[in-house]
Amino acid sequence: MSGHGNSGGSARAKAKSRSARAGLAFPVGRFHRQLRRGSYGRRVGSTAVVYLAAVLEYLTAEVLELAGNVARYHKKHRITPRHIQLAVRYDQELNKLLDGVVIAQGGVLPNIHPSLLHKKTGKKRSKSQKN
């Protein structure tokens, strides 16, 4: 025992993933590998990948939260593509971000043109016509 380092041999610190270091659930290492393998650029910075993973995780959480609210409103326990479609289209910022995106099995927003609705007339019905 020379007094240097840890006693009891070479005890190495447990490996910690970059996702855990950044406090993210999305896999930073996998994103980094995909960016390197794809022809997105010759060099990919390590902090850029962490930032990308954080942004994608935030957007996913935002969409899932809104879709969960829509599913709860419709008294469903499972989020369907329809709920995602309604959540995205009713949110102004997400609608702008995903403007050209088609969500499969999402359907369309409920919308009836005002000219197709019945026009209310000013005539009041008499008591004899109501019965």
N, C-alpha and C. Protein backbone atom coordinates (compact mmCIF):
# COMPACT_ATOMS: atom_id res chain seq x y z
N MET A 1 0.85 -1.19 0.00
CA MET A 1 0.00 0.00 0.00
C MET A 1 0.88 1.23 0.00
N SER A 2 0.78 1.96 -1.05
CA SER A 2 1.62 3.16 -1.17
C SER A 2 0.90 4.42 -0.72
N GLY A 3 -0.41 4.32 -0.49
CA GLY A 3 -1.15 5.49 -0.02
C GLY A 3 -1.76 6.31 -1.15
N HIS A 4 -1.51 5.88 -2.39
CA HIS A 4 -2.07 6.60 -3.53
C HIS A 4 -3.30 5.87 -4.05
N GLY A 5 -4.31 6.61 -4.45
CA GLY A 5 -5.50 6.01 -5.07
C GLY A 5 -6.37 5.27 -4.08
N ASN A 6 -7.22 4.42 -4.63
CA ASN A 6 -8.15 3.65 -3.80
C ASN A 6 -7.46 2.44 -3.22
N SER A 7 -7.85 2.08 -2.04
CA SER A 7 -7.30 0.87 -1.44
C SER A 7 -8.10 -0.32 -1.92
N GLY A 8 -7.45 -1.47 -1.99
CA GLY A 8 -8.16 -2.67 -2.38
C GLY A 8 -8.14 -2.94 -3.87
N GLY A 9 -7.12 -2.50 -4.55
CA GLY A 9 -7.01 -2.81 -5.97
C GLY A 9 -7.55 -1.69 -6.85
N SER A 10 -7.77 -2.05 -8.10
CA SER A 10 -8.20 -1.04 -9.07
C SER A 10 -9.71 -1.01 -9.14
N ALA A 11 -10.32 -0.20 -8.33
CA ALA A 11 -11.78 -0.04 -8.34
C ALA A 11 -12.12 1.12 -9.25
N ARG A 12 -12.76 0.79 -10.37
CA ARG A 12 -13.08 1.81 -11.36
C ARG A 12 -14.51 2.31 -11.14
N ALA A 13 -14.72 3.58 -11.41
CA ALA A 13 -16.06 4.15 -11.22
C ALA A 13 -17.03 3.52 -12.22
N LYS A 14 -18.26 3.33 -11.79
CA LYS A 14 -19.27 2.73 -12.65
C LYS A 14 -19.56 3.66 -13.82
N ALA A 15 -19.65 3.09 -15.01
CA ALA A 15 -19.88 3.88 -16.22
C ALA A 15 -21.25 4.52 -16.16
N LYS A 16 -21.33 5.76 -16.59
CA LYS A 16 -22.58 6.50 -16.61
C LYS A 16 -22.82 6.99 -18.04
N SER A 17 -23.99 6.70 -18.57
CA SER A 17 -24.27 7.07 -19.96
C SER A 17 -24.40 8.58 -20.10
N ARG A 18 -24.24 9.02 -21.33
CA ARG A 18 -24.38 10.45 -21.58
C ARG A 18 -25.82 10.91 -21.37
N SER A 19 -26.77 10.03 -21.58
CA SER A 19 -28.17 10.37 -21.31
C SER A 19 -28.38 10.59 -19.82
N ALA A 20 -27.77 9.73 -19.00
CA ALA A 20 -27.91 9.88 -17.56
C ALA A 20 -27.20 11.14 -17.07
N ARG A 21 -26.04 11.44 -17.65
CA ARG A 21 -25.33 12.65 -17.26
C ARG A 21 -26.13 13.89 -17.59
N ALA A 22 -26.82 13.87 -18.72
CA ALA A 22 -27.61 15.02 -19.14
C ALA A 22 -29.00 15.03 -18.50
N GLY A 23 -29.38 13.94 -17.85
CA GLY A 23 -30.70 13.85 -17.23
C GLY A 23 -31.80 13.65 -18.25
N LEU A 24 -31.50 12.90 -19.31
CA LEU A 24 -32.46 12.69 -20.39
C LEU A 24 -32.89 11.23 -20.45
N ALA A 25 -34.05 10.99 -21.03
CA ALA A 25 -34.51 9.63 -21.24
C ALA A 25 -34.15 9.16 -22.65
N PHE A 26 -33.98 10.09 -23.58
CA PHE A 26 -33.65 9.73 -24.96
C PHE A 26 -32.17 9.34 -25.06
N PRO A 27 -31.82 8.39 -25.93
CA PRO A 27 -30.45 7.87 -26.00
C PRO A 27 -29.51 8.79 -26.77
N VAL A 28 -28.64 9.48 -26.05
CA VAL A 28 -27.70 10.41 -26.67
C VAL A 28 -26.69 9.65 -27.53
N GLY A 29 -26.20 8.53 -27.03
CA GLY A 29 -25.21 7.75 -27.78
C GLY A 29 -25.75 7.25 -29.11
N ARG A 30 -27.00 6.81 -29.11
CA ARG A 30 -27.60 6.31 -30.35
C ARG A 30 -27.78 7.45 -31.36
N PHE A 31 -28.20 8.62 -30.88
CA PHE A 31 -28.32 9.76 -31.79
C PHE A 31 -26.97 10.13 -32.38
N HIS A 32 -25.92 10.08 -31.55
CA HIS A 32 -24.59 10.42 -32.03
C HIS A 32 -24.14 9.43 -33.10
N ARG A 33 -24.38 8.15 -32.85
CA ARG A 33 -24.01 7.13 -33.83
C ARG A 33 -24.77 7.34 -35.15
N GLN A 34 -26.07 7.61 -35.06
CA GLN A 34 -26.86 7.80 -36.28
C GLN A 34 -26.42 9.03 -37.06
N LEU A 35 -26.07 10.10 -36.34
CA LEU A 35 -25.61 11.31 -37.02
C LEU A 35 -24.25 11.08 -37.69
N ARG A 36 -23.39 10.30 -37.06
CA ARG A 36 -22.09 10.02 -37.66
C ARG A 36 -22.24 9.12 -38.88
N ARG A 37 -23.10 8.12 -38.79
CA ARG A 37 -23.27 7.19 -39.91
C ARG A 37 -24.01 7.82 -41.08
N GLY A 38 -24.97 8.68 -40.78
CA GLY A 38 -25.66 9.38 -41.85
C GLY A 38 -24.75 10.47 -42.40
N SER A 39 -24.99 10.90 -43.59
CA SER A 39 -24.14 11.91 -44.21
C SER A 39 -24.66 13.31 -43.90
N TYR A 40 -24.67 13.64 -42.59
CA TYR A 40 -25.17 14.95 -42.18
C TYR A 40 -24.05 15.96 -42.06
N GLY A 41 -22.84 15.48 -41.89
CA GLY A 41 -21.69 16.36 -41.77
C GLY A 41 -20.47 15.53 -41.48
N ARG A 42 -19.28 16.10 -41.74
CA ARG A 42 -18.05 15.35 -41.52
C ARG A 42 -17.76 15.18 -40.04
N ARG A 43 -18.11 16.19 -39.24
CA ARG A 43 -17.84 16.13 -37.81
C ARG A 43 -19.11 16.48 -37.05
N VAL A 44 -19.35 15.77 -35.96
CA VAL A 44 -20.52 16.01 -35.13
C VAL A 44 -20.04 16.27 -33.70
N GLY A 45 -20.37 17.43 -33.16
CA GLY A 45 -19.97 17.76 -31.80
C GLY A 45 -20.78 16.98 -30.77
N SER A 46 -20.15 16.71 -29.64
CA SER A 46 -20.83 15.91 -28.62
C SER A 46 -21.95 16.69 -27.94
N THR A 47 -21.77 17.99 -27.75
CA THR A 47 -22.83 18.77 -27.09
C THR A 47 -24.01 19.00 -28.02
N ALA A 48 -23.76 18.99 -29.32
CA ALA A 48 -24.86 19.14 -30.28
C ALA A 48 -25.82 17.96 -30.19
N VAL A 49 -25.26 16.79 -29.97
CA VAL A 49 -26.09 15.59 -29.87
C VAL A 49 -26.94 15.63 -28.60
N VAL A 50 -26.36 16.10 -27.50
CA VAL A 50 -27.11 16.22 -26.25
C VAL A 50 -28.25 17.22 -26.43
N TYR A 51 -27.97 18.33 -27.10
CA TYR A 51 -28.99 19.35 -27.33
C TYR A 51 -30.10 18.78 -28.22
N LEU A 52 -29.72 18.04 -29.26
CA LEU A 52 -30.71 17.42 -30.15
C LEU A 52 -31.60 16.46 -29.38
N ALA A 53 -31.01 15.63 -28.54
CA ALA A 53 -31.79 14.67 -27.75
C ALA A 53 -32.73 15.39 -26.80
N ALA A 54 -32.27 16.48 -26.19
CA ALA A 54 -33.11 17.23 -25.26
C ALA A 54 -34.30 17.86 -25.97
N VAL A 55 -34.07 18.42 -27.15
CA VAL A 55 -35.16 19.05 -27.91
C VAL A 55 -36.18 18.01 -28.34
N LEU A 56 -35.70 16.88 -28.85
CA LEU A 56 -36.62 15.83 -29.28
C LEU A 56 -37.42 15.25 -28.11
N GLU A 57 -36.77 15.12 -26.97
CA GLU A 57 -37.48 14.63 -25.78
C GLU A 57 -38.55 15.62 -25.34
N TYR A 58 -38.23 16.90 -25.38
CA TYR A 58 -39.21 17.92 -24.99
C TYR A 58 -40.41 17.91 -25.94
N LEU A 59 -40.15 17.86 -27.25
CA LEU A 59 -41.26 17.86 -28.21
C LEU A 59 -42.12 16.62 -28.06
N THR A 60 -41.50 15.49 -27.84
CA THR A 60 -42.26 14.25 -27.64
C THR A 60 -43.13 14.33 -26.40
N ALA A 61 -42.56 14.84 -25.31
CA ALA A 61 -43.33 14.97 -24.07
C ALA A 61 -44.50 15.92 -24.25
N GLU A 62 -44.28 17.00 -24.99
CA GLU A 62 -45.34 17.99 -25.22
C GLU A 62 -46.49 17.38 -26.02
N VAL A 63 -46.15 16.67 -27.10
CA VAL A 63 -47.18 16.05 -27.94
C VAL A 63 -47.93 14.97 -27.15
N LEU A 64 -47.20 14.16 -26.38
CA LEU A 64 -47.87 13.10 -25.62
C LEU A 64 -48.76 13.65 -24.52
N GLU A 65 -48.34 14.75 -23.91
CA GLU A 65 -49.18 15.35 -22.87
C GLU A 65 -50.49 15.87 -23.47
N LEU A 66 -50.40 16.58 -24.58
CA LEU A 66 -51.61 17.11 -25.22
C LEU A 66 -52.49 15.98 -25.75
N ALA A 67 -51.88 14.95 -26.32
CA ALA A 67 -52.66 13.82 -26.83
C ALA A 67 -53.32 13.07 -25.69
N GLY A 68 -52.64 12.97 -24.55
CA GLY A 68 -53.25 12.34 -23.38
C GLY A 68 -54.44 13.12 -22.87
N ASN A 69 -54.35 14.45 -22.91
CA ASN A 69 -55.49 15.27 -22.51
C ASN A 69 -56.68 15.06 -23.45
N VAL A 70 -56.40 14.95 -24.75
CA VAL A 70 -57.48 14.71 -25.72
C VAL A 70 -58.10 13.34 -25.48
N ALA A 71 -57.26 12.33 -25.23
CA ALA A 71 -57.78 10.98 -24.98
C ALA A 71 -58.63 10.96 -23.71
N ARG A 72 -58.21 11.67 -22.68
CA ARG A 72 -58.99 11.72 -21.44
C ARG A 72 -60.32 12.44 -21.68
N TYR A 73 -60.30 13.47 -22.51
CA TYR A 73 -61.53 14.20 -22.83
C TYR A 73 -62.53 13.27 -23.52
N HIS A 74 -62.02 12.37 -24.36
CA HIS A 74 -62.89 11.43 -25.07
C HIS A 74 -63.12 10.15 -24.27
N LYS A 75 -62.70 10.15 -23.00
CA LYS A 75 -62.90 9.02 -22.08
C LYS A 75 -62.25 7.73 -22.60
N LYS A 76 -61.01 7.87 -23.10
CA LYS A 76 -60.24 6.72 -23.59
C LYS A 76 -58.98 6.59 -22.75
N HIS A 77 -58.48 5.38 -22.63
CA HIS A 77 -57.27 5.12 -21.85
C HIS A 77 -56.05 4.95 -22.74
N ARG A 78 -56.25 4.89 -24.04
CA ARG A 78 -55.16 4.66 -24.97
C ARG A 78 -55.09 5.81 -25.97
N ILE A 79 -53.88 6.28 -26.21
CA ILE A 79 -53.69 7.37 -27.19
C ILE A 79 -53.64 6.77 -28.58
N THR A 80 -54.46 7.27 -29.47
CA THR A 80 -54.51 6.80 -30.86
C THR A 80 -53.97 7.90 -31.77
N PRO A 81 -53.70 7.57 -33.02
CA PRO A 81 -53.27 8.62 -33.96
C PRO A 81 -54.28 9.76 -34.09
N ARG A 82 -55.54 9.46 -33.90
CA ARG A 82 -56.57 10.51 -33.93
C ARG A 82 -56.35 11.52 -32.82
N HIS A 83 -56.00 11.04 -31.63
CA HIS A 83 -55.76 11.95 -30.51
C HIS A 83 -54.53 12.80 -30.76
N ILE A 84 -53.49 12.22 -31.36
CA ILE A 84 -52.29 12.98 -31.69
C ILE A 84 -52.62 14.04 -32.72
N GLN A 85 -53.41 13.68 -33.72
CA GLN A 85 -53.80 14.64 -34.76
C GLN A 85 -54.56 15.81 -34.17
N LEU A 86 -55.53 15.53 -33.31
CA LEU A 86 -56.33 16.60 -32.71
C LEU A 86 -55.46 17.47 -31.81
N ALA A 87 -54.56 16.85 -31.05
CA ALA A 87 -53.69 17.61 -30.15
C ALA A 87 -52.78 18.54 -30.94
N VAL A 88 -52.19 18.04 -32.01
CA VAL A 88 -51.26 18.85 -32.81
C VAL A 88 -51.99 19.97 -33.52
N ARG A 89 -53.13 19.68 -34.09
CA ARG A 89 -53.84 20.70 -34.89
C ARG A 89 -54.49 21.77 -34.03
N TYR A 90 -54.86 21.45 -32.79
CA TYR A 90 -55.47 22.47 -31.94
C TYR A 90 -54.44 23.33 -31.22
N ASP A 91 -53.17 22.89 -31.18
CA ASP A 91 -52.10 23.68 -30.58
C ASP A 91 -51.49 24.55 -31.67
N GLN A 92 -51.45 25.85 -31.46
CA GLN A 92 -51.03 26.78 -32.50
C GLN A 92 -49.57 26.56 -32.91
N GLU A 93 -48.67 26.41 -31.93
CA GLU A 93 -47.24 26.29 -32.24
C GLU A 93 -46.92 24.93 -32.86
N LEU A 94 -47.50 23.86 -32.33
CA LEU A 94 -47.25 22.54 -32.92
C LEU A 94 -47.85 22.44 -34.31
N ASN A 95 -48.99 23.07 -34.53
CA ASN A 95 -49.61 23.08 -35.84
C ASN A 95 -48.70 23.77 -36.85
N LYS A 96 -48.06 24.85 -36.44
CA LYS A 96 -47.15 25.56 -37.33
C LYS A 96 -45.91 24.72 -37.62
N LEU A 97 -45.40 24.01 -36.60
CA LEU A 97 -44.22 23.17 -36.76
C LEU A 97 -44.51 21.98 -37.68
N LEU A 98 -45.67 21.37 -37.49
CA LEU A 98 -46.03 20.16 -38.25
C LEU A 98 -47.06 20.47 -39.32
N ASP A 99 -46.89 21.59 -39.99
CA ASP A 99 -47.88 22.06 -40.97
C ASP A 99 -47.99 21.12 -42.16
N GLY A 100 -46.87 20.68 -42.70
CA GLY A 100 -46.91 19.83 -43.89
C GLY A 100 -46.91 18.36 -43.59
N VAL A 101 -47.15 17.97 -42.34
CA VAL A 101 -47.07 16.58 -41.93
C VAL A 101 -48.46 15.94 -41.98
N VAL A 102 -48.52 14.75 -42.55
CA VAL A 102 -49.75 13.98 -42.57
C VAL A 102 -49.61 12.86 -41.55
N ILE A 103 -50.50 12.81 -40.58
CA ILE A 103 -50.48 11.77 -39.56
C ILE A 103 -51.41 10.65 -40.01
N ALA A 104 -50.84 9.46 -40.22
CA ALA A 104 -51.62 8.32 -40.72
C ALA A 104 -52.72 7.97 -39.73
N GLN A 105 -53.90 7.71 -40.22
CA GLN A 105 -55.08 7.37 -39.42
C GLN A 105 -55.49 8.49 -38.47
N GLY A 106 -55.08 9.73 -38.79
CA GLY A 106 -55.38 10.85 -37.92
C GLY A 106 -56.73 11.50 -38.19
N GLY A 107 -57.22 11.35 -39.41
CA GLY A 107 -58.49 11.98 -39.75
C GLY A 107 -58.33 13.48 -39.96
N VAL A 108 -59.45 14.19 -39.93
CA VAL A 108 -59.45 15.63 -40.14
C VAL A 108 -60.10 16.31 -38.93
N LEU A 109 -59.89 17.61 -38.84
CA LEU A 109 -60.51 18.36 -37.76
C LEU A 109 -62.01 18.51 -38.03
N PRO A 110 -62.82 18.41 -37.01
CA PRO A 110 -64.26 18.62 -37.22
C PRO A 110 -64.52 20.08 -37.57
N ASN A 111 -65.13 20.29 -38.72
CA ASN A 111 -65.36 21.65 -39.19
C ASN A 111 -66.56 21.65 -40.13
N ILE A 112 -67.54 22.49 -39.85
CA ILE A 112 -68.69 22.68 -40.73
C ILE A 112 -68.69 24.13 -41.15
N HIS A 113 -68.70 24.35 -42.46
CA HIS A 113 -68.66 25.72 -42.97
C HIS A 113 -69.92 26.45 -42.52
N PRO A 114 -69.78 27.70 -42.07
CA PRO A 114 -70.95 28.45 -41.55
C PRO A 114 -72.09 28.60 -42.55
N SER A 115 -71.78 28.63 -43.84
CA SER A 115 -72.84 28.81 -44.83
C SER A 115 -73.72 27.55 -44.94
N LEU A 116 -73.24 26.43 -44.46
CA LEU A 116 -74.02 25.20 -44.53
C LEU A 116 -74.95 25.03 -43.34
N LEU A 117 -74.74 25.81 -42.30
CA LEU A 117 -75.59 25.72 -41.11
C LEU A 117 -76.91 26.42 -41.34
N HIS A 118 -77.93 26.00 -40.58
CA HIS A 118 -79.24 26.63 -40.69
C HIS A 118 -79.16 28.07 -40.20
N LYS A 119 -79.81 28.93 -40.93
CA LYS A 119 -79.85 30.34 -40.51
C LYS A 119 -81.03 30.52 -39.58
N LYS A 120 -80.80 31.21 -38.50
CA LYS A 120 -81.88 31.48 -37.56
C LYS A 120 -82.68 32.67 -38.06
N THR A 121 -84.00 32.49 -38.16
CA THR A 121 -84.86 33.58 -38.61
C THR A 121 -85.34 34.37 -37.40
N GLY A 122 -85.76 35.60 -37.64
CA GLY A 122 -86.21 36.46 -36.55
C GLY A 122 -87.63 36.18 -36.11
N LYS A 123 -88.32 35.28 -36.80
CA LYS A 123 -89.71 34.99 -36.46
C LYS A 123 -89.78 34.18 -35.18
N LYS A 124 -90.71 34.57 -34.32
CA LYS A 124 -90.97 33.80 -33.11
C LYS A 124 -92.22 32.97 -33.32
N ARG A 125 -92.16 31.78 -32.80
CA ARG A 125 -93.32 30.90 -32.94
C ARG A 125 -94.36 31.25 -31.89
N SER A 126 -95.59 31.20 -32.29
CA SER A 126 -96.67 31.48 -31.36
C SER A 126 -96.90 30.27 -30.46
N LYS A 127 -97.63 30.47 -29.38
CA LYS A 127 -97.88 29.39 -28.43
C LYS A 127 -98.64 28.24 -29.08
N SER A 128 -99.48 28.50 -30.02
CA SER A 128 -100.26 27.43 -30.65
C SER A 128 -99.37 26.59 -31.56
N GLN A 129 -98.31 27.17 -32.14
CA GLN A 129 -97.41 26.41 -33.02
C GLN A 129 -96.41 25.57 -32.22
N LYS A 130 -96.11 25.97 -30.99
CA LYS A 130 -95.14 25.22 -30.20
C LYS A 130 -95.70 23.89 -29.76
N ASN A 131 -97.00 23.80 -29.48
CA ASN A 131 -97.61 22.56 -29.00
C ASN A 131 -98.02 21.73 -30.13
